[in-house]
């Protein structure tokens, strides 16, 4: 058979030189319909497929990924970047602040009220304008925490990093569904954060299904304690950096 793409002679379903399928159909309605499903929405592979399987069966999905079945899955770093872009665009289009904006605003107001000097907020401005870096910074902290508590369960730190890249990406998509909330003082603002926590709990319970319910949830609780400790240390270092830059620029 002659490849219609590169002219190579080959046998089988795909060209061994360029990968072109031997079944090249005429462009018609079915071709357009399949192209939209496969290339735009990627139902059978890629981003939406990864969203679906991580939501329906995250334990099996992650185990398959670690085993080597990775062709259908969106790459973990790219998955988080796309999810964060969707989340940030949705909030900006609606004109809402994100929970990162709310947090950074709290830090800014607290520092201004408690420090008797002009504070340099260029670092906070940078983080506010580049929130994807903030989301990325959360991942290694929780990955380290879960690696420490689940270290006897065969997954190394890099694998815990992959787990939390996918979890964080999925959580950001959950937050996107609630990005329409205009009243930042409404109790509804707590709902997406609660759902994000429950999703994290759901994934770890499915992934470590071989452990007893008490064992794995106790480990997850300890993971959160370690994570919050690391987060507080990180925030303290950020505050120290702000103070140092303020004195330098004063």
C-alpha atoms as a PDB file:
ATOM      1  CA  UNK A   1       0.000   0.000   0.000  1.00  0.00           C
ATOM      2  CA  UNK A   2       1.226   3.489  -0.862  1.00  0.00           C
ATOM      3  CA  UNK A   3       0.968   6.169   1.819  1.00  0.00           C
ATOM      4  CA  UNK A   4      -1.068   9.126   0.563  1.00  0.00           C
ATOM      5  CA  UNK A   5       0.896  11.460   2.830  1.00  0.00           C
ATOM      6  CA  UNK A   6       4.550  10.641   2.113  1.00  0.00           C
ATOM      7  CA  UNK A   7       4.455   8.069  -0.732  1.00  0.00           C
ATOM      8  CA  UNK A   8       6.083   5.319   1.346  1.00  0.00           C
ATOM      9  CA  UNK A   9       5.173   1.702   0.567  1.00  0.00           C
ATOM     10  CA  UNK A  10       3.925  -0.075   3.700  1.00  0.00           C
ATOM     11  CA  UNK A  11       1.695  -2.814   5.069  1.00  0.00           C
ATOM     12  CA  UNK A  12      -0.797  -2.547   7.914  1.00  0.00           C
ATOM     13  CA  UNK A  13      -3.079   0.162   9.272  1.00  0.00           C
ATOM     14  CA  UNK A  14      -0.475   2.917   9.629  1.00  0.00           C
ATOM     15  CA  UNK A  15       2.514   4.090   7.599  1.00  0.00           C
ATOM     16  CA  UNK A  16       5.735   3.051   9.323  1.00  0.00           C
ATOM     17  CA  UNK A  17       7.427   6.247   8.136  1.00  0.00           C
ATOM     18  CA  UNK A  18       5.020   9.090   8.910  1.00  0.00           C
ATOM     19  CA  UNK A  19       2.227   7.408  10.883  1.00  0.00           C
ATOM     20  CA  UNK A  20      -0.551   8.267   8.399  1.00  0.00           C
ATOM     21  CA  UNK A  21      -3.574   5.951   8.626  1.00  0.00           C
ATOM     22  CA  UNK A  22      -4.214   3.661   5.675  1.00  0.00           C
ATOM     23  CA  UNK A  23      -7.933   4.453   6.008  1.00  0.00           C
ATOM     24  CA  UNK A  24      -8.035   8.013   4.691  1.00  0.00           C
ATOM     25  CA  UNK A  25     -11.655   8.891   4.086  1.00  0.00           C
ATOM     26  CA  UNK A  26     -13.078  11.527   1.803  1.00  0.00           C
ATOM     27  CA  UNK A  27     -13.862  14.785   3.568  1.00  0.00           C
ATOM     28  CA  UNK A  28     -17.587  14.746   4.306  1.00  0.00           C
ATOM     29  CA  UNK A  29     -19.967  15.334   7.220  1.00  0.00           C
ATOM     30  CA  UNK A  30     -18.743  12.242   9.104  1.00  0.00           C
ATOM     31  CA  UNK A  31     -15.147  13.386   8.700  1.00  0.00           C
ATOM     32  CA  UNK A  32     -15.979  16.853  10.063  1.00  0.00           C
ATOM     33  CA  UNK A  33     -18.003  15.409  12.941  1.00  0.00           C
ATOM     34  CA  UNK A  34     -15.204  13.018  13.944  1.00  0.00           C
ATOM     35  CA  UNK A  35     -12.592  15.771  13.612  1.00  0.00           C
ATOM     36  CA  UNK A  36     -14.533  18.039  15.970  1.00  0.00           C
ATOM     37  CA  UNK A  37     -14.950  15.250  18.533  1.00  0.00           C
ATOM     38  CA  UNK A  38     -11.355  14.026  18.334  1.00  0.00           C
ATOM     39  CA  UNK A  39      -9.335  17.195  17.751  1.00  0.00           C
ATOM     40  CA  UNK A  40     -11.344  19.986  19.387  1.00  0.00           C
ATOM     41  CA  UNK A  41     -13.126  18.292  22.271  1.00  0.00           C
ATOM     42  CA  UNK A  42     -10.799  15.250  22.411  1.00  0.00           C
ATOM     43  CA  UNK A  43     -13.454  12.913  23.791  1.00  0.00           C
ATOM     44  CA  UNK A  44     -11.462   9.739  23.196  1.00  0.00           C
ATOM     45  CA  UNK A  45      -8.086  11.051  24.293  1.00  0.00           C
ATOM     46  CA  UNK A  46      -6.400  14.175  25.586  1.00  0.00           C
ATOM     47  CA  UNK A  47      -7.627  16.873  27.935  1.00  0.00           C
ATOM     48  CA  UNK A  48     -11.342  16.101  28.237  1.00  0.00           C
ATOM     49  CA  UNK A  49     -10.685  12.380  28.389  1.00  0.00           C
ATOM     50  CA  UNK A  50      -8.255  12.982  31.259  1.00  0.00           C
ATOM     51  CA  UNK A  51     -10.794  15.207  33.046  1.00  0.00           C
ATOM     52  CA  UNK A  52     -13.438  12.488  32.719  1.00  0.00           C
ATOM     53  CA  UNK A  53     -11.383   9.515  33.931  1.00  0.00           C
ATOM     54  CA  UNK A  54      -9.804  11.487  36.782  1.00  0.00           C
ATOM     55  CA  UNK A  55     -13.298  12.358  37.947  1.00  0.00           C
ATOM     56  CA  UNK A  56     -14.910   8.931  37.512  1.00  0.00           C
ATOM     57  CA  UNK A  57     -12.068   6.591  38.471  1.00  0.00           C
ATOM     58  CA  UNK A  58      -8.950   8.477  39.630  1.00  0.00           C
ATOM     59  CA  UNK A  59      -7.367   5.513  41.424  1.00  0.00           C
ATOM     60  CA  UNK A  60      -7.302   3.248  38.371  1.00  0.00           C
ATOM     61  CA  UNK A  61      -6.385   6.163  36.089  1.00  0.00           C
ATOM     62  CA  UNK A  62      -3.297   7.102  38.105  1.00  0.00           C
ATOM     63  CA  UNK A  63      -2.251   3.474  38.562  1.00  0.00           C
ATOM     64  CA  UNK A  64      -2.536   2.926  34.804  1.00  0.00           C
ATOM     65  CA  UNK A  65      -0.470   6.063  34.198  1.00  0.00           C
ATOM     66  CA  UNK A  66       2.295   4.872  36.537  1.00  0.00           C
ATOM     67  CA  UNK A  67       2.164   1.391  34.997  1.00  0.00           C
ATOM     68  CA  UNK A  68       2.916   2.926  31.590  1.00  0.00           C
ATOM     69  CA  UNK A  69      -0.468   3.364  29.888  1.00  0.00           C
ATOM     70  CA  UNK A  70       0.025   7.067  29.138  1.00  0.00           C
ATOM     71  CA  UNK A  71      -0.863   7.585  25.474  1.00  0.00           C
ATOM     72  CA  UNK A  72      -4.450   8.699  26.102  1.00  0.00           C
ATOM     73  CA  UNK A  73      -3.681  11.009  29.006  1.00  0.00           C
ATOM     74  CA  UNK A  74      -2.893  14.704  28.851  1.00  0.00           C
ATOM     75  CA  UNK A  75       0.580  15.381  30.239  1.00  0.00           C
ATOM     76  CA  UNK A  76       0.367  16.366  33.950  1.00  0.00           C
ATOM     77  CA  UNK A  77       2.122  19.764  33.778  1.00  0.00           C
ATOM     78  CA  UNK A  78       0.179  20.731  30.647  1.00  0.00           C
ATOM     79  CA  UNK A  79      -3.041  19.555  32.304  1.00  0.00           C
ATOM     80  CA  UNK A  80      -2.507  21.917  35.232  1.00  0.00           C
ATOM     81  CA  UNK A  81      -1.520  24.807  32.949  1.00  0.00           C
ATOM     82  CA  UNK A  82      -4.636  24.395  30.785  1.00  0.00           C
ATOM     83  CA  UNK A  83      -6.877  24.035  33.861  1.00  0.00           C
ATOM     84  CA  UNK A  84      -5.419  27.160  35.478  1.00  0.00           C
ATOM     85  CA  UNK A  85      -5.841  29.097  32.229  1.00  0.00           C
ATOM     86  CA  UNK A  86      -9.514  28.071  32.030  1.00  0.00           C
ATOM     87  CA  UNK A  87     -10.055  29.042  35.673  1.00  0.00           C
ATOM     88  CA  UNK A  88      -8.312  32.416  35.380  1.00  0.00           C
ATOM     89  CA  UNK A  89     -10.042  33.300  32.106  1.00  0.00           C
ATOM     90  CA  UNK A  90     -13.467  32.459  33.538  1.00  0.00           C
ATOM     91  CA  UNK A  91     -12.924  34.693  36.572  1.00  0.00           C
ATOM     92  CA  UNK A  92     -11.546  37.565  34.508  1.00  0.00           C
ATOM     93  CA  UNK A  93     -14.349  37.394  31.944  1.00  0.00           C
ATOM     94  CA  UNK A  94     -16.948  37.508  34.703  1.00  0.00           C
ATOM     95  CA  UNK A  95     -14.996  40.222  36.520  1.00  0.00           C
ATOM     96  CA  UNK A  96     -14.443  38.259  39.711  1.00  0.00           C
ATOM     97  CA  UNK A  97     -11.425  37.926  41.950  1.00  0.00           C
ATOM     98  CA  UNK A  98      -9.941  34.484  42.506  1.00  0.00           C
ATOM     99  CA  UNK A  99      -9.310  33.021  45.957  1.00  0.00           C
ATOM    100  CA  UNK A 100      -5.628  33.864  45.353  1.00  0.00           C
ATOM    101  CA  UNK A 101      -6.589  37.512  44.782  1.00  0.00           C
ATOM    102  CA  UNK A 102      -8.557  37.462  48.044  1.00  0.00           C
ATOM    103  CA  UNK A 103      -5.624  35.944  49.918  1.00  0.00           C
ATOM    104  CA  UNK A 104      -3.025  38.329  48.478  1.00  0.00           C
ATOM    105  CA  UNK A 105      -5.339  41.263  49.221  1.00  0.00           C
ATOM    106  CA  UNK A 106      -5.533  40.091  52.841  1.00  0.00           C
ATOM    107  CA  UNK A 107      -1.746  39.879  53.065  1.00  0.00           C
ATOM    108  CA  UNK A 108      -1.431  43.340  51.529  1.00  0.00           C
ATOM    109  CA  UNK A 109      -3.932  44.917  53.934  1.00  0.00           C
ATOM    110  CA  UNK A 110      -2.478  43.129  56.957  1.00  0.00           C
ATOM    111  CA  UNK A 111       1.057  44.228  56.141  1.00  0.00           C
ATOM    112  CA  UNK A 112      -0.005  47.824  55.533  1.00  0.00           C
ATOM    113  CA  UNK A 113      -1.920  48.006  58.812  1.00  0.00           C
ATOM    114  CA  UNK A 114       0.771  46.393  60.999  1.00  0.00           C
ATOM    115  CA  UNK A 115       3.975  47.808  59.562  1.00  0.00           C
ATOM    116  CA  UNK A 116       4.813  51.451  60.202  1.00  0.00           C
ATOM    117  CA  UNK A 117       6.516  51.953  56.875  1.00  0.00           C
ATOM    118  CA  UNK A 118       5.791  52.009  53.181  1.00  0.00           C
ATOM    119  CA  UNK A 119       5.708  48.413  52.052  1.00  0.00           C
ATOM    120  CA  UNK A 120       6.931  47.241  48.644  1.00  0.00           C
ATOM    121  CA  UNK A 121       4.243  45.021  47.143  1.00  0.00           C
ATOM    122  CA  UNK A 122       5.921  44.258  43.816  1.00  0.00           C
ATOM    123  CA  UNK A 123       6.194  40.572  44.761  1.00  0.00           C
ATOM    124  CA  UNK A 124       2.474  40.382  45.557  1.00  0.00           C
ATOM    125  CA  UNK A 125       1.673  42.221  42.337  1.00  0.00           C
ATOM    126  CA  UNK A 126       3.753  39.700  40.400  1.00  0.00           C
ATOM    127  CA  UNK A 127       1.970  36.768  42.045  1.00  0.00           C
ATOM    128  CA  UNK A 128      -1.423  38.361  41.421  1.00  0.00           C
ATOM    129  CA  UNK A 129      -0.620  38.805  37.743  1.00  0.00           C
ATOM    130  CA  UNK A 130       0.924  35.338  37.397  1.00  0.00           C
ATOM    131  CA  UNK A 131      -1.331  33.123  39.475  1.00  0.00           C
ATOM    132  CA  UNK A 132      -0.399  29.968  37.583  1.00  0.00           C
ATOM    133  CA  UNK A 133       2.916  30.116  39.458  1.00  0.00           C
ATOM    134  CA  UNK A 134       0.971  30.191  42.719  1.00  0.00           C
ATOM    135  CA  UNK A 135      -0.996  27.078  41.764  1.00  0.00           C
ATOM    136  CA  UNK A 136       2.221  25.348  40.706  1.00  0.00           C
ATOM    137  CA  UNK A 137       3.881  26.272  43.999  1.00  0.00           C
ATOM    138  CA  UNK A 138       1.148  24.487  45.983  1.00  0.00           C
ATOM    139  CA  UNK A 139       1.819  21.182  44.215  1.00  0.00           C
ATOM    140  CA  UNK A 140       5.337  20.298  45.448  1.00  0.00           C
ATOM    141  CA  UNK A 141       4.371  21.273  49.000  1.00  0.00           C
ATOM    142  CA  UNK A 142       1.498  18.806  49.179  1.00  0.00           C
ATOM    143  CA  UNK A 143       3.469  16.260  47.134  1.00  0.00           C
ATOM    144  CA  UNK A 144       6.239  16.385  49.734  1.00  0.00           C
ATOM    145  CA  UNK A 145       3.714  16.083  52.564  1.00  0.00           C
ATOM    146  CA  UNK A 146       1.962  13.070  51.025  1.00  0.00           C
ATOM    147  CA  UNK A 147       5.281  11.466  50.091  1.00  0.00           C
ATOM    148  CA  UNK A 148       6.389  11.664  53.724  1.00  0.00           C
ATOM    149  CA  UNK A 149       3.185  10.148  55.114  1.00  0.00           C
ATOM    150  CA  UNK A 150       2.641   7.539  52.359  1.00  0.00           C
ATOM    151  CA  UNK A 151       6.343   6.746  51.880  1.00  0.00           C
ATOM    152  CA  UNK A 152       5.818   3.024  52.599  1.00  0.00           C
ATOM    153  CA  UNK A 153       3.346   2.653  49.733  1.00  0.00           C
ATOM    154  CA  UNK A 154       5.770   2.350  46.790  1.00  0.00           C
ATOM    155  CA  UNK A 155       5.284   5.783  45.186  1.00  0.00           C
ATOM    156  CA  UNK A 156       8.336   8.052  44.983  1.00  0.00           C
ATOM    157  CA  UNK A 157       8.306  11.851  45.261  1.00  0.00           C
ATOM    158  CA  UNK A 158       8.066  12.357  41.492  1.00  0.00           C
ATOM    159  CA  UNK A 159       4.994  10.141  41.369  1.00  0.00           C
ATOM    160  CA  UNK A 160       3.412  12.058  44.245  1.00  0.00           C
ATOM    161  CA  UNK A 161       4.150  15.213  42.238  1.00  0.00           C
ATOM    162  CA  UNK A 162       2.258  13.759  39.254  1.00  0.00           C
ATOM    163  CA  UNK A 163      -0.654  12.772  41.508  1.00  0.00           C
ATOM    164  CA  UNK A 164      -0.969  16.306  42.840  1.00  0.00           C
ATOM    165  CA  UNK A 165      -0.538  17.984  39.456  1.00  0.00           C
ATOM    166  CA  UNK A 166      -3.581  16.082  38.230  1.00  0.00           C
ATOM    167  CA  UNK A 167      -5.518  16.694  41.471  1.00  0.00           C
ATOM    168  CA  UNK A 168      -4.804  20.437  41.422  1.00  0.00           C
ATOM    169  CA  UNK A 169      -5.778  20.677  37.757  1.00  0.00           C
ATOM    170  CA  UNK A 170      -9.077  18.929  38.447  1.00  0.00           C
ATOM    171  CA  UNK A 171      -9.696  21.137  41.500  1.00  0.00           C
ATOM    172  CA  UNK A 172      -9.210  24.281  39.397  1.00  0.00           C
ATOM    173  CA  UNK A 173     -11.872  23.032  36.981  1.00  0.00           C
ATOM    174  CA  UNK A 174     -14.201  22.548  39.959  1.00  0.00           C
ATOM    175  CA  UNK A 175     -13.461  26.128  41.062  1.00  0.00           C
ATOM    176  CA  UNK A 176     -14.232  27.279  37.499  1.00  0.00           C
ATOM    177  CA  UNK A 177     -17.808  26.039  37.869  1.00  0.00           C
ATOM    178  CA  UNK A 178     -18.243  28.460  40.784  1.00  0.00           C
ATOM    179  CA  UNK A 179     -16.385  31.421  39.252  1.00  0.00           C
ATOM    180  CA  UNK A 180     -19.736  33.173  38.654  1.00  0.00           C
ATOM    181  CA  UNK A 181     -20.137  33.975  42.385  1.00  0.00           C
ATOM    182  CA  UNK A 182     -20.200  37.762  42.686  1.00  0.00           C
ATOM    183  CA  UNK A 183     -20.663  38.142  46.444  1.00  0.00           C
ATOM    184  CA  UNK A 184     -17.258  37.336  47.941  1.00  0.00           C
ATOM    185  CA  UNK A 185     -18.820  37.322  51.435  1.00  0.00           C
ATOM    186  CA  UNK A 186     -21.379  34.686  50.496  1.00  0.00           C
ATOM    187  CA  UNK A 187     -21.213  31.271  52.146  1.00  0.00           C
ATOM    188  CA  UNK A 188     -21.303  29.817  48.631  1.00  0.00           C
ATOM    189  CA  UNK A 189     -17.649  30.797  48.194  1.00  0.00           C
ATOM    190  CA  UNK A 190     -16.761  28.011  50.635  1.00  0.00           C
ATOM    191  CA  UNK A 191     -18.484  25.357  48.486  1.00  0.00           C
ATOM    192  CA  UNK A 192     -15.821  25.038  45.732  1.00  0.00           C
ATOM    193  CA  UNK A 193     -13.037  24.860  48.324  1.00  0.00           C
ATOM    194  CA  UNK A 194     -14.961  22.148  50.174  1.00  0.00           C
ATOM    195  CA  UNK A 195     -15.532  20.237  46.922  1.00  0.00           C
ATOM    196  CA  UNK A 196     -11.837  20.583  46.119  1.00  0.00           C
ATOM    197  CA  UNK A 197     -10.938  19.087  49.486  1.00  0.00           C
ATOM    198  CA  UNK A 198     -13.459  16.257  49.018  1.00  0.00           C
ATOM    199  CA  UNK A 199     -12.029  15.510  45.580  1.00  0.00           C
ATOM    200  CA  UNK A 200      -8.544  15.271  47.068  1.00  0.00           C
ATOM    201  CA  UNK A 201      -9.884  12.918  49.755  1.00  0.00           C
ATOM    202  CA  UNK A 202     -11.691  10.875  47.075  1.00  0.00           C
ATOM    203  CA  UNK A 203      -8.518  10.456  44.981  1.00  0.00           C
ATOM    204  CA  UNK A 204      -6.324   9.354  47.874  1.00  0.00           C
ATOM    205  CA  UNK A 205      -8.933   6.904  49.107  1.00  0.00           C
ATOM    206  CA  UNK A 206      -9.200   5.349  45.639  1.00  0.00           C
ATOM    207  CA  UNK A 207      -5.463   5.380  44.972  1.00  0.00           C
ATOM    208  CA  UNK A 208      -4.530   3.752  48.290  1.00  0.00           C
ATOM    209  CA  UNK A 209      -7.446   1.336  48.344  1.00  0.00           C
ATOM    210  CA  UNK A 210      -5.235  -1.454  49.716  1.00  0.00           C
ATOM    211  CA  UNK A 211      -4.957   0.404  53.044  1.00  0.00           C
ATOM    212  CA  UNK A 212      -7.645   0.292  55.696  1.00  0.00           C
ATOM    213  CA  UNK A 213     -10.040   3.257  55.781  1.00  0.00           C
ATOM    214  CA  UNK A 214      -8.639   4.441  59.118  1.00  0.00           C
ATOM    215  CA  UNK A 215      -5.008   4.075  58.047  1.00  0.00           C
ATOM    216  CA  UNK A 216      -5.217   5.952  54.765  1.00  0.00           C
ATOM    217  CA  UNK A 217      -7.366   8.761  56.157  1.00  0.00           C
ATOM    218  CA  UNK A 218      -5.116   9.212  59.165  1.00  0.00           C
ATOM    219  CA  UNK A 219      -2.169   9.463  56.764  1.00  0.00           C
ATOM    220  CA  UNK A 220      -4.075  11.993  54.667  1.00  0.00           C
ATOM    221  CA  UNK A 221      -4.845  14.051  57.763  1.00  0.00           C
ATOM    222  CA  UNK A 222      -1.160  14.053  58.691  1.00  0.00           C
ATOM    223  CA  UNK A 223      -0.375  15.075  55.097  1.00  0.00           C
ATOM    224  CA  UNK A 224      -2.581  18.139  55.514  1.00  0.00           C
ATOM    225  CA  UNK A 225      -0.890  19.047  58.801  1.00  0.00           C
ATOM    226  CA  UNK A 226       2.546  18.825  57.172  1.00  0.00           C
ATOM    227  CA  UNK A 227       1.303  20.715  54.115  1.00  0.00           C
ATOM    228  CA  UNK A 228      -0.156  23.565  56.192  1.00  0.00           C
ATOM    229  CA  UNK A 229       3.089  23.756  58.173  1.00  0.00           C
ATOM    230  CA  UNK A 230       5.111  24.003  54.964  1.00  0.00           C
ATOM    231  CA  UNK A 231       2.664  26.584  53.620  1.00  0.00           C
ATOM    232  CA  UNK A 232       2.977  28.755  56.738  1.00  0.00           C
ATOM    233  CA  UNK A 233       6.777  28.575  56.518  1.00  0.00           C
ATOM    234  CA  UNK A 234       6.607  29.547  52.844  1.00  0.00           C
ATOM    235  CA  UNK A 235       4.342  32.521  53.607  1.00  0.00           C
ATOM    236  CA  UNK A 236       6.649  33.654  56.399  1.00  0.00           C
ATOM    237  CA  UNK A 237       9.583  33.526  53.999  1.00  0.00           C
ATOM    238  CA  UNK A 238       7.536  35.529  51.492  1.00  0.00           C
ATOM    239  CA  UNK A 239       6.780  38.165  54.129  1.00  0.00           C
ATOM    240  CA  UNK A 240      10.471  38.341  55.086  1.00  0.00           C
ATOM    241  CA  UNK A 241      11.347  38.777  51.403  1.00  0.00           C
ATOM    242  CA  UNK A 242       8.829  41.630  51.128  1.00  0.00           C
ATOM    243  CA  UNK A 243      10.344  43.335  54.176  1.00  0.00           C
ATOM    244  CA  UNK A 244      13.880  42.913  52.837  1.00  0.00           C
ATOM    245  CA  UNK A 245      12.994  44.378  49.443  1.00  0.00           C
ATOM    246  CA  UNK A 246      11.145  47.217  51.172  1.00  0.00           C
ATOM    247  CA  UNK A 247      14.261  48.175  53.155  1.00  0.00           C
ATOM    248  CA  UNK A 248      16.450  47.882  50.059  1.00  0.00           C
ATOM    249  CA  UNK A 249      14.192  50.101  47.987  1.00  0.00           C
ATOM    250  CA  UNK A 250      13.456  52.589  50.790  1.00  0.00           C
END
